[in-house]
Protein backbone atom coordinates (compact mmCIF):
# COMPACT_ATOMS: atom_id res chain seq x y z
CA UNK A 1 3.07 4.80 -2.70
CA UNK A 2 3.74 1.32 -4.02
CA UNK A 3 6.41 0.57 -6.62
CA UNK A 4 6.04 -2.37 -8.97
CA UNK A 5 7.49 -3.53 -12.25
CA UNK A 6 5.38 -4.60 -15.21
CA UNK A 7 7.04 -6.79 -17.83
CA UNK A 8 6.17 -5.88 -21.42
CA UNK A 9 4.60 -9.01 -22.91
CA UNK A 10 5.59 -9.42 -26.57
CA UNK A 11 7.23 -11.76 -29.06
CA UNK A 12 11.04 -11.66 -28.74
CA UNK A 13 11.86 -9.77 -31.95
CA UNK A 14 8.97 -7.29 -31.80
CA UNK A 15 9.99 -3.65 -31.40
CA UNK A 16 7.95 -1.17 -29.40
CA UNK A 17 8.01 2.44 -28.29
CA UNK A 18 6.77 3.49 -24.85
CA UNK A 19 6.04 7.10 -24.10
CA UNK A 20 3.93 9.68 -22.33
CA UNK A 21 1.57 12.15 -23.92
CA UNK A 22 -1.06 14.54 -22.65
CA UNK A 23 -4.19 14.52 -24.77
CA UNK A 24 -6.79 12.11 -26.19
CA UNK A 25 -5.98 13.49 -29.68
CA UNK A 26 -2.62 11.70 -29.40
CA UNK A 27 -4.09 8.42 -30.66
CA UNK A 28 -5.03 9.91 -34.02
CA UNK A 29 -1.96 12.13 -34.26
CA UNK A 30 0.50 9.30 -33.56
CA UNK A 31 -1.39 7.04 -36.01
CA UNK A 32 -1.19 9.71 -38.73
CA UNK A 33 2.49 10.31 -37.97
CA UNK A 34 3.38 6.63 -38.31
CA UNK A 35 1.57 6.10 -41.62
CA UNK A 36 3.07 9.35 -42.92
CA UNK A 37 6.59 8.38 -41.89
CA UNK A 38 6.72 4.88 -43.41
CA UNK A 39 4.31 3.94 -46.20
CA UNK A 40 2.60 0.59 -45.53
CA UNK A 41 3.78 0.42 -41.90
CA UNK A 42 2.21 -2.27 -39.71
CA UNK A 43 1.66 -1.18 -36.11
CA UNK A 44 -0.64 -1.13 -33.13
CA UNK A 45 -1.03 1.78 -30.72
CA UNK A 46 -2.74 2.06 -27.34
CA UNK A 47 -3.10 5.06 -25.03
CA UNK A 48 -4.26 5.15 -21.40
CA UNK A 49 -6.70 8.01 -21.01
CA UNK A 50 -6.17 9.82 -17.68
CA UNK A 51 -9.49 11.64 -17.30
CA UNK A 52 -13.12 11.35 -18.34
CA UNK A 53 -13.95 7.71 -19.02
CA UNK A 54 -10.30 6.65 -18.41
CA UNK A 55 -10.34 4.14 -21.25
CA UNK A 56 -7.55 2.46 -23.16
CA UNK A 57 -7.87 4.08 -26.59
CA UNK A 58 -6.29 2.32 -29.57
CA UNK A 59 -5.62 2.40 -33.28
CA UNK A 60 -3.33 0.82 -35.84
CA UNK A 61 -2.93 -0.92 -39.17
CA UNK A 62 -2.36 -4.47 -37.89
CA UNK A 63 -4.96 -6.23 -35.71
CA UNK A 64 -2.35 -8.40 -33.95
CA UNK A 65 -0.20 -5.39 -33.05
CA UNK A 66 -3.28 -3.42 -31.88
CA UNK A 67 -4.28 -6.30 -29.58
CA UNK A 68 -0.72 -6.47 -28.22
CA UNK A 69 -0.73 -2.72 -27.56
CA UNK A 70 -4.12 -2.90 -25.81
CA UNK A 71 -2.99 -5.81 -23.62
CA UNK A 72 0.22 -4.07 -22.51
CA UNK A 73 -1.36 -0.63 -22.02
CA UNK A 74 -4.01 -2.24 -19.83
CA UNK A 75 -1.32 -4.02 -17.79
CA UNK A 76 0.59 -0.73 -17.32
CA UNK A 77 -2.59 1.14 -16.43
CA UNK A 78 -0.78 4.48 -16.07
CA UNK A 79 -2.48 7.67 -17.15
CA UNK A 80 -1.36 9.27 -20.38
CA UNK A 81 1.10 6.56 -21.33
CA UNK A 82 1.13 5.18 -24.86
CA UNK A 83 2.71 2.14 -26.40
CA UNK A 84 3.31 1.43 -30.08
CA UNK A 85 4.14 -2.09 -31.31
CA UNK A 86 5.76 -2.29 -34.74
CA UNK A 87 5.11 -5.16 -37.13
CA UNK A 88 7.88 -7.36 -38.47
CA UNK A 89 10.36 -5.44 -40.59
CA UNK A 90 9.57 -2.02 -39.03
CA UNK A 91 11.93 -0.39 -36.56
CA UNK A 92 11.87 2.53 -34.10
CA UNK A 93 14.81 4.22 -35.82
CA UNK A 94 12.51 4.91 -38.79
CA UNK A 95 9.69 6.56 -36.80
CA UNK A 96 11.06 7.73 -33.46
CA UNK A 97 11.88 11.31 -34.40
CA UNK A 98 8.50 11.69 -36.10
CA UNK A 99 6.75 10.52 -32.91
CA UNK A 100 8.87 12.89 -30.80
CA UNK A 101 7.65 15.76 -32.99
CA UNK A 102 3.95 15.09 -32.26
CA UNK A 103 3.07 18.24 -30.26
CA UNK A 104 1.37 16.42 -27.39
CA UNK A 105 4.11 13.78 -26.87
CA UNK A 106 5.91 14.67 -23.63
CA UNK A 107 8.47 11.89 -23.28
CA UNK A 108 9.80 8.67 -24.74
CA UNK A 109 10.81 6.09 -22.14
CA UNK A 110 12.25 3.53 -24.56
CA UNK A 111 12.28 2.21 -28.11
CA UNK A 112 13.47 -1.40 -28.15
CA UNK A 113 12.95 -5.05 -28.94
CA UNK A 114 14.72 -6.06 -25.72
CA UNK A 115 13.00 -7.70 -22.77
CA UNK A 116 11.67 -4.72 -20.84
CA UNK A 117 10.27 -4.05 -17.40
CA UNK A 118 8.49 -0.78 -16.63
CA UNK A 119 8.80 0.72 -13.15
CA UNK A 120 5.33 1.87 -12.08
CA UNK A 121 4.36 3.93 -9.03
CA UNK A 122 0.84 3.55 -7.66
CA UNK A 123 -0.94 5.89 -5.26
CA UNK A 124 -4.57 6.28 -4.23
CA UNK A 125 -5.02 8.53 -7.27
CA UNK A 126 -3.64 6.13 -9.88
CA UNK A 127 -0.49 4.93 -11.60
CA UNK A 128 2.47 6.64 -13.24
CA UNK A 129 5.51 5.43 -15.16
CA UNK A 130 8.84 6.17 -13.52
CA UNK A 131 11.21 4.54 -15.98
CA UNK A 132 12.21 1.33 -17.72
CA UNK A 133 14.66 -1.50 -17.40
CA UNK A 134 15.59 -2.05 -21.05
CA UNK A 135 17.42 -5.31 -21.71
CA UNK A 136 20.28 -6.68 -19.64
CA UNK A 137 23.26 -5.16 -17.80
CA UNK A 138 26.61 -4.84 -19.62
CA UNK A 139 28.99 -7.77 -19.29
CA UNK A 140 32.18 -5.94 -20.22
CA UNK A 141 33.75 -3.43 -22.60
CA UNK A 142 33.89 -4.14 -26.31
CA UNK A 143 37.22 -5.22 -27.79
CA UNK A 144 38.55 -4.79 -31.32
CA UNK A 145 36.61 -7.83 -32.63
CA UNK A 146 33.41 -6.47 -31.06
CA UNK A 147 33.96 -3.06 -32.69
CA UNK A 148 34.46 -4.73 -36.09
CA UNK A 149 31.30 -6.82 -35.61
CA UNK A 150 29.25 -3.71 -34.65
CA UNK A 151 30.47 -1.70 -37.63
CA UNK A 152 29.84 -4.60 -40.02
CA UNK A 153 26.31 -5.11 -38.65
CA UNK A 154 25.40 -1.44 -39.16
CA UNK A 155 26.64 -1.62 -42.75
CA UNK A 156 24.68 -4.82 -43.40
CA UNK A 157 21.53 -3.00 -42.25
CA UNK A 158 22.39 -0.05 -44.49
CA UNK A 159 22.68 2.42 -41.61
CA UNK A 160 26.31 3.27 -42.36
CA UNK A 161 28.30 3.43 -45.60
């Protein structure tokens, strides 16, 4: 077995969700879930089929995000993984639980805009995702000023009252 890391290639502020699912129907079900969760959402979705033709299947509402999803899914090349890129102004917090509720979704590895590396195992059979390195390592423990900044930021976004 060979272990490698694949860096997710995306614009800095672009959010994405990386997960694992188990069925070709996932492409349509995740698409329907996203458009049902947030009216007008802009996204691209790609799924690595693990049997049959073993194609990268894709869908979405934004051609640029679909192309980004196809590019990254192809680079990952791991069976039954999916990746969703969200257009500007759309965030995982608004769709993550809906995606988790899709019956064939098995796991979410991350939902982030951070620089991300995916740990991939490769055998003679194929590739599988082992986990992610999401962002950077902590540099310390937050102090009182940091707590105030965090709380203020969440209120600016409207996530807390």
